[in-house]
Amino acid sequence: MTRVVVPVRYPLSEHSKRTLSRAVSVAEDNDAELTVLHVNLYQNGGGVSRLDLKRAVEAEFGPVERARYVVRSGFLVEETILDEVAGERADIVVVGHKQAGRWRRALRRLTKNPDIEGFLKERLDCTVITVDV
């Protein structure tokens, strides 16, 4: 089965809502399972629970079929997202334009190549959809 992963902020920002809306559509169009991912940063303390994330998404979109809600902790959002994408063996990743920019900066530090789509396709064999938010 196809797996779509969408990283979002919590509480859901307007950007996250638009990105999530696109991800829900992509999952429906591809008869796919959807993983909604939030990253709790260690350095910010506290944290969001899976239930918090699920309630926020369902309050905005109603129940989402075949959705899985995941909260991971990490020091760097981009690395944690990449780890989740790899662990999920995602077929499609849906990111907002702002998130794509952060990934490009992180990749530039690591590989001097800011091509997120190429990086993910080469290492993970997945499609990246960037949403203009």
N, C-alpha and C. Protein backbone atom coordinates (compact mmCIF):
# COMPACT_ATOMS: atom_id res chain seq x y z
N MET A 1 0.85 -1.18 0.00
CA MET A 1 0.00 0.00 0.00
C MET A 1 0.89 1.24 0.00
N THR A 2 0.44 2.26 -0.69
CA THR A 2 1.15 3.53 -0.78
C THR A 2 1.10 4.24 0.56
N ARG A 3 2.22 4.88 0.94
CA ARG A 3 2.32 5.61 2.20
C ARG A 3 2.67 7.06 1.90
N VAL A 4 1.85 7.99 2.44
CA VAL A 4 2.10 9.42 2.32
C VAL A 4 2.47 9.94 3.71
N VAL A 5 3.53 10.72 3.80
CA VAL A 5 3.95 11.34 5.06
C VAL A 5 3.86 12.85 4.90
N VAL A 6 3.27 13.50 5.90
CA VAL A 6 3.18 14.96 5.91
C VAL A 6 3.60 15.49 7.28
N PRO A 7 4.72 16.22 7.32
CA PRO A 7 5.13 16.86 8.57
C PRO A 7 4.35 18.15 8.79
N VAL A 8 3.90 18.37 10.03
CA VAL A 8 3.12 19.57 10.36
C VAL A 8 3.59 20.15 11.69
N ARG A 9 3.26 21.40 11.88
CA ARG A 9 3.50 22.06 13.17
C ARG A 9 2.28 21.86 14.06
N TYR A 10 2.52 21.96 15.37
CA TYR A 10 1.42 21.96 16.33
C TYR A 10 1.66 23.10 17.30
N PRO A 11 0.63 23.91 17.57
CA PRO A 11 -0.69 23.84 16.97
C PRO A 11 -0.61 24.08 15.46
N LEU A 12 -1.61 23.58 14.75
CA LEU A 12 -1.60 23.68 13.30
C LEU A 12 -1.61 25.15 12.86
N SER A 13 -0.59 25.53 12.11
CA SER A 13 -0.54 26.87 11.54
C SER A 13 -1.36 26.86 10.25
N GLU A 14 -1.61 28.05 9.70
CA GLU A 14 -2.32 28.12 8.42
C GLU A 14 -1.53 27.38 7.34
N HIS A 15 -0.20 27.50 7.38
CA HIS A 15 0.65 26.79 6.42
C HIS A 15 0.48 25.28 6.58
N SER A 16 0.49 24.82 7.82
CA SER A 16 0.34 23.38 8.07
C SER A 16 -1.03 22.89 7.61
N LYS A 17 -2.05 23.69 7.82
CA LYS A 17 -3.41 23.30 7.40
C LYS A 17 -3.48 23.12 5.89
N ARG A 18 -2.87 24.06 5.14
CA ARG A 18 -2.90 23.94 3.68
C ARG A 18 -2.08 22.74 3.20
N THR A 19 -0.93 22.53 3.84
CA THR A 19 -0.10 21.37 3.47
C THR A 19 -0.84 20.08 3.80
N LEU A 20 -1.46 20.03 4.95
CA LEU A 20 -2.20 18.85 5.37
C LEU A 20 -3.40 18.60 4.45
N SER A 21 -4.07 19.65 4.03
CA SER A 21 -5.20 19.51 3.11
C SER A 21 -4.73 18.84 1.81
N ARG A 22 -3.60 19.28 1.31
CA ARG A 22 -3.05 18.68 0.07
C ARG A 22 -2.68 17.22 0.31
N ALA A 23 -2.07 16.94 1.46
CA ALA A 23 -1.66 15.56 1.78
C ALA A 23 -2.87 14.63 1.88
N VAL A 24 -3.95 15.12 2.48
CA VAL A 24 -5.17 14.31 2.58
C VAL A 24 -5.69 14.00 1.19
N SER A 25 -5.70 15.00 0.31
CA SER A 25 -6.15 14.79 -1.07
C SER A 25 -5.26 13.80 -1.81
N VAL A 26 -3.95 13.94 -1.64
CA VAL A 26 -3.00 13.03 -2.30
C VAL A 26 -3.22 11.60 -1.80
N ALA A 27 -3.43 11.45 -0.49
CA ALA A 27 -3.66 10.11 0.07
C ALA A 27 -4.96 9.52 -0.48
N GLU A 28 -6.01 10.33 -0.55
CA GLU A 28 -7.28 9.83 -1.09
C GLU A 28 -7.14 9.45 -2.57
N ASP A 29 -6.46 10.31 -3.34
CA ASP A 29 -6.29 10.06 -4.78
C ASP A 29 -5.48 8.81 -5.06
N ASN A 30 -4.59 8.46 -4.15
CA ASN A 30 -3.71 7.31 -4.33
C ASN A 30 -4.12 6.11 -3.50
N ASP A 31 -5.31 6.18 -2.86
CA ASP A 31 -5.78 5.12 -1.98
C ASP A 31 -4.67 4.72 -1.01
N ALA A 32 -4.07 5.73 -0.38
CA ALA A 32 -2.87 5.54 0.44
C ALA A 32 -3.15 5.71 1.92
N GLU A 33 -2.23 5.19 2.71
CA GLU A 33 -2.22 5.46 4.14
C GLU A 33 -1.49 6.79 4.35
N LEU A 34 -1.93 7.54 5.34
CA LEU A 34 -1.37 8.86 5.61
C LEU A 34 -0.74 8.89 7.00
N THR A 35 0.49 9.34 7.07
CA THR A 35 1.14 9.55 8.36
C THR A 35 1.28 11.04 8.57
N VAL A 36 0.63 11.56 9.61
CA VAL A 36 0.73 12.96 9.99
C VAL A 36 1.80 13.02 11.08
N LEU A 37 2.86 13.78 10.81
CA LEU A 37 4.04 13.79 11.68
C LEU A 37 4.26 15.17 12.28
N HIS A 38 4.49 15.19 13.58
CA HIS A 38 4.94 16.41 14.27
C HIS A 38 6.23 16.08 15.01
N VAL A 39 7.16 17.03 15.01
CA VAL A 39 8.43 16.83 15.71
C VAL A 39 8.49 17.75 16.92
N ASN A 40 8.58 17.14 18.11
CA ASN A 40 8.84 17.88 19.33
C ASN A 40 10.35 18.10 19.42
N LEU A 41 10.75 19.35 19.53
CA LEU A 41 12.18 19.63 19.66
C LEU A 41 12.61 19.48 21.11
N TYR A 42 13.67 18.69 21.34
CA TYR A 42 14.18 18.48 22.70
C TYR A 42 14.44 19.82 23.39
N GLN A 43 15.05 20.75 22.66
CA GLN A 43 15.47 22.00 23.26
C GLN A 43 14.31 22.92 23.64
N ASN A 44 13.11 22.63 23.16
CA ASN A 44 11.95 23.45 23.51
C ASN A 44 11.21 22.92 24.73
N GLY A 45 11.58 21.74 25.19
CA GLY A 45 10.92 21.15 26.36
C GLY A 45 9.46 20.83 26.06
N GLY A 46 8.81 20.24 27.03
CA GLY A 46 7.39 19.92 26.86
C GLY A 46 7.16 19.03 25.66
N GLY A 47 5.97 19.04 25.18
CA GLY A 47 5.71 18.24 24.00
C GLY A 47 4.25 18.07 23.71
N VAL A 48 4.01 17.61 22.52
CA VAL A 48 2.67 17.35 22.02
C VAL A 48 2.47 15.85 21.99
N SER A 49 1.29 15.42 22.34
CA SER A 49 1.00 13.98 22.29
C SER A 49 0.34 13.64 20.95
N ARG A 50 0.33 12.35 20.64
CA ARG A 50 -0.36 11.88 19.43
C ARG A 50 -1.84 12.25 19.48
N LEU A 51 -2.43 12.15 20.67
CA LEU A 51 -3.84 12.48 20.83
C LEU A 51 -4.10 13.96 20.55
N ASP A 52 -3.18 14.84 21.04
CA ASP A 52 -3.30 16.28 20.76
C ASP A 52 -3.29 16.51 19.25
N LEU A 53 -2.34 15.87 18.57
CA LEU A 53 -2.20 16.04 17.13
C LEU A 53 -3.44 15.53 16.40
N LYS A 54 -3.90 14.35 16.78
CA LYS A 54 -5.09 13.77 16.14
C LYS A 54 -6.31 14.66 16.34
N ARG A 55 -6.50 15.15 17.54
CA ARG A 55 -7.66 16.02 17.82
C ARG A 55 -7.60 17.30 17.00
N ALA A 56 -6.42 17.89 16.87
CA ALA A 56 -6.27 19.12 16.09
C ALA A 56 -6.58 18.88 14.62
N VAL A 57 -6.08 17.78 14.09
CA VAL A 57 -6.33 17.46 12.67
C VAL A 57 -7.80 17.18 12.45
N GLU A 58 -8.40 16.38 13.31
CA GLU A 58 -9.82 16.04 13.14
C GLU A 58 -10.73 17.23 13.38
N ALA A 59 -10.33 18.17 14.22
CA ALA A 59 -11.12 19.38 14.42
C ALA A 59 -11.15 20.21 13.15
N GLU A 60 -10.08 20.16 12.40
CA GLU A 60 -9.96 20.93 11.15
C GLU A 60 -10.55 20.21 9.95
N PHE A 61 -10.33 18.87 9.87
CA PHE A 61 -10.68 18.12 8.66
C PHE A 61 -11.71 17.02 8.88
N GLY A 62 -12.10 16.79 10.12
CA GLY A 62 -12.96 15.65 10.41
C GLY A 62 -12.11 14.38 10.43
N PRO A 63 -12.72 13.22 10.68
CA PRO A 63 -11.94 11.99 10.70
C PRO A 63 -11.26 11.76 9.34
N VAL A 64 -10.00 11.38 9.38
CA VAL A 64 -9.23 11.13 8.16
C VAL A 64 -9.01 9.61 8.07
N GLU A 65 -9.52 9.02 6.98
CA GLU A 65 -9.39 7.57 6.82
C GLU A 65 -7.94 7.16 6.67
N ARG A 66 -7.60 6.02 7.24
CA ARG A 66 -6.27 5.42 7.15
C ARG A 66 -5.16 6.39 7.54
N ALA A 67 -5.45 7.24 8.55
CA ALA A 67 -4.44 8.18 9.04
C ALA A 67 -3.78 7.64 10.30
N ARG A 68 -2.53 7.90 10.39
CA ARG A 68 -1.72 7.53 11.55
C ARG A 68 -1.08 8.82 12.04
N TYR A 69 -1.09 9.03 13.34
CA TYR A 69 -0.55 10.26 13.93
C TYR A 69 0.71 9.90 14.70
N VAL A 70 1.80 10.58 14.34
CA VAL A 70 3.10 10.25 14.91
C VAL A 70 3.74 11.52 15.46
N VAL A 71 4.24 11.43 16.68
CA VAL A 71 5.00 12.52 17.28
C VAL A 71 6.38 11.96 17.61
N ARG A 72 7.40 12.60 17.05
CA ARG A 72 8.79 12.20 17.29
C ARG A 72 9.51 13.34 17.99
N SER A 73 10.53 13.01 18.74
CA SER A 73 11.36 14.02 19.38
C SER A 73 12.73 14.04 18.72
N GLY A 74 13.30 15.22 18.63
CA GLY A 74 14.61 15.33 18.01
C GLY A 74 15.20 16.71 18.23
N PHE A 75 16.48 16.86 17.89
CA PHE A 75 17.15 18.15 17.99
C PHE A 75 16.96 18.97 16.72
N LEU A 76 16.93 18.29 15.59
CA LEU A 76 16.77 18.97 14.30
C LEU A 76 15.52 18.43 13.60
N VAL A 77 14.61 19.32 13.28
CA VAL A 77 13.36 18.92 12.66
C VAL A 77 13.61 18.14 11.37
N GLU A 78 14.48 18.69 10.51
CA GLU A 78 14.69 18.09 9.19
C GLU A 78 15.23 16.67 9.29
N GLU A 79 16.21 16.45 10.17
CA GLU A 79 16.77 15.11 10.32
C GLU A 79 15.73 14.14 10.86
N THR A 80 14.93 14.59 11.81
CA THR A 80 13.91 13.74 12.39
C THR A 80 12.86 13.37 11.34
N ILE A 81 12.49 14.34 10.49
CA ILE A 81 11.55 14.06 9.41
C ILE A 81 12.14 13.04 8.44
N LEU A 82 13.40 13.24 8.05
CA LEU A 82 14.05 12.30 7.13
C LEU A 82 14.09 10.90 7.72
N ASP A 83 14.38 10.80 9.01
CA ASP A 83 14.40 9.49 9.68
C ASP A 83 13.02 8.83 9.61
N GLU A 84 11.98 9.62 9.84
CA GLU A 84 10.62 9.07 9.80
C GLU A 84 10.23 8.65 8.38
N VAL A 85 10.58 9.48 7.41
CA VAL A 85 10.28 9.16 6.01
C VAL A 85 10.96 7.84 5.63
N ALA A 86 12.21 7.69 6.04
CA ALA A 86 12.94 6.45 5.74
C ALA A 86 12.33 5.28 6.49
N GLY A 87 12.04 5.47 7.77
CA GLY A 87 11.46 4.40 8.58
C GLY A 87 10.11 3.95 8.09
N GLU A 88 9.31 4.89 7.59
CA GLU A 88 7.98 4.58 7.06
C GLU A 88 8.06 4.00 5.65
N ARG A 89 9.22 4.14 5.02
CA ARG A 89 9.37 3.78 3.61
C ARG A 89 8.29 4.48 2.79
N ALA A 90 8.23 5.79 3.01
CA ALA A 90 7.20 6.61 2.36
C ALA A 90 7.36 6.59 0.85
N ASP A 91 6.24 6.59 0.19
CA ASP A 91 6.22 6.70 -1.27
C ASP A 91 6.11 8.16 -1.69
N ILE A 92 5.40 8.94 -0.87
CA ILE A 92 5.16 10.35 -1.17
C ILE A 92 5.34 11.15 0.12
N VAL A 93 6.04 12.28 0.02
CA VAL A 93 6.17 13.21 1.14
C VAL A 93 5.59 14.53 0.68
N VAL A 94 4.70 15.10 1.48
CA VAL A 94 4.09 16.38 1.16
C VAL A 94 4.62 17.39 2.17
N VAL A 95 5.30 18.43 1.67
CA VAL A 95 5.86 19.46 2.54
C VAL A 95 5.43 20.83 2.05
N GLY A 96 5.34 21.76 2.99
CA GLY A 96 5.06 23.14 2.63
C GLY A 96 6.30 23.80 2.06
N HIS A 97 6.09 24.85 1.34
CA HIS A 97 7.18 25.59 0.71
C HIS A 97 8.22 26.05 1.75
N LYS A 98 7.74 26.52 2.91
CA LYS A 98 8.67 26.96 3.96
C LYS A 98 9.51 25.80 4.47
N GLN A 99 8.86 24.64 4.68
CA GLN A 99 9.59 23.46 5.14
C GLN A 99 10.62 23.04 4.11
N ALA A 100 10.27 23.11 2.84
CA ALA A 100 11.21 22.76 1.78
C ALA A 100 12.44 23.65 1.84
N GLY A 101 12.25 24.93 2.13
CA GLY A 101 13.38 25.85 2.25
C GLY A 101 14.30 25.46 3.39
N ARG A 102 13.72 25.07 4.52
CA ARG A 102 14.55 24.63 5.66
C ARG A 102 15.32 23.37 5.30
N TRP A 103 14.67 22.44 4.60
CA TRP A 103 15.34 21.21 4.19
C TRP A 103 16.50 21.54 3.27
N ARG A 104 16.28 22.48 2.35
CA ARG A 104 17.36 22.86 1.42
C ARG A 104 18.57 23.38 2.19
N ARG A 105 18.33 24.24 3.18
CA ARG A 105 19.44 24.76 3.99
C ARG A 105 20.15 23.64 4.73
N ALA A 106 19.38 22.72 5.31
CA ALA A 106 19.99 21.60 6.04
C ALA A 106 20.80 20.72 5.10
N LEU A 107 20.25 20.41 3.92
CA LEU A 107 20.97 19.57 2.95
C LEU A 107 22.22 20.27 2.44
N ARG A 108 22.15 21.58 2.26
CA ARG A 108 23.31 22.33 1.79
C ARG A 108 24.46 22.18 2.80
N ARG A 109 24.13 22.19 4.10
CA ARG A 109 25.16 22.02 5.13
C ARG A 109 25.75 20.61 5.07
N LEU A 110 24.91 19.63 4.75
CA LEU A 110 25.37 18.24 4.75
C LEU A 110 26.01 17.82 3.43
N THR A 111 25.44 18.27 2.30
CA THR A 111 25.87 17.72 1.01
C THR A 111 26.25 18.76 -0.03
N LYS A 112 26.09 20.03 0.30
CA LYS A 112 26.32 21.12 -0.66
C LYS A 112 25.38 21.02 -1.86
N ASN A 113 24.30 20.27 -1.72
CA ASN A 113 23.33 20.12 -2.80
C ASN A 113 21.93 20.33 -2.21
N PRO A 114 21.28 21.46 -2.52
CA PRO A 114 19.99 21.75 -1.91
C PRO A 114 18.79 21.10 -2.61
N ASP A 115 19.01 20.13 -3.46
CA ASP A 115 17.91 19.50 -4.20
C ASP A 115 17.23 18.44 -3.34
N ILE A 116 16.19 18.84 -2.61
CA ILE A 116 15.49 17.94 -1.71
C ILE A 116 14.91 16.76 -2.46
N GLU A 117 14.22 17.07 -3.55
CA GLU A 117 13.56 16.01 -4.30
C GLU A 117 14.58 14.97 -4.78
N GLY A 118 15.70 15.44 -5.31
CA GLY A 118 16.75 14.53 -5.77
C GLY A 118 17.35 13.73 -4.64
N PHE A 119 17.60 14.41 -3.52
CA PHE A 119 18.18 13.76 -2.34
C PHE A 119 17.27 12.63 -1.86
N LEU A 120 15.98 12.93 -1.69
CA LEU A 120 15.05 11.92 -1.20
C LEU A 120 14.85 10.80 -2.22
N LYS A 121 14.76 11.16 -3.48
CA LYS A 121 14.55 10.14 -4.52
C LYS A 121 15.75 9.20 -4.58
N GLU A 122 16.95 9.77 -4.50
CA GLU A 122 18.17 8.96 -4.56
C GLU A 122 18.30 8.04 -3.35
N ARG A 123 18.00 8.55 -2.18
CA ARG A 123 18.20 7.77 -0.96
C ARG A 123 16.99 6.97 -0.53
N LEU A 124 15.79 7.47 -0.84
CA LEU A 124 14.59 6.83 -0.32
C LEU A 124 13.60 6.41 -1.39
N ASP A 125 13.84 6.79 -2.63
CA ASP A 125 12.96 6.45 -3.74
C ASP A 125 11.52 6.86 -3.45
N CYS A 126 11.33 8.16 -3.13
CA CYS A 126 9.98 8.66 -2.92
C CYS A 126 9.78 9.95 -3.68
N THR A 127 8.52 10.30 -3.85
CA THR A 127 8.13 11.53 -4.53
C THR A 127 7.92 12.61 -3.48
N VAL A 128 8.38 13.82 -3.77
CA VAL A 128 8.18 14.94 -2.88
C VAL A 128 7.25 15.93 -3.56
N ILE A 129 6.18 16.28 -2.86
CA ILE A 129 5.25 17.29 -3.35
C ILE A 129 5.40 18.51 -2.45
N THR A 130 5.75 19.64 -3.06
CA THR A 130 5.90 20.88 -2.31
C THR A 130 4.66 21.73 -2.53
N VAL A 131 4.05 22.16 -1.44
CA VAL A 131 2.82 22.93 -1.49
C VAL A 131 3.14 24.40 -1.28
N ASP A 132 2.76 25.24 -2.24
CA ASP A 132 2.89 26.69 -2.05
C ASP A 132 1.87 27.11 -1.03
N VAL A 133 2.36 27.60 0.08
CA VAL A 133 1.43 27.96 1.15
C VAL A 133 1.39 29.42 1.38
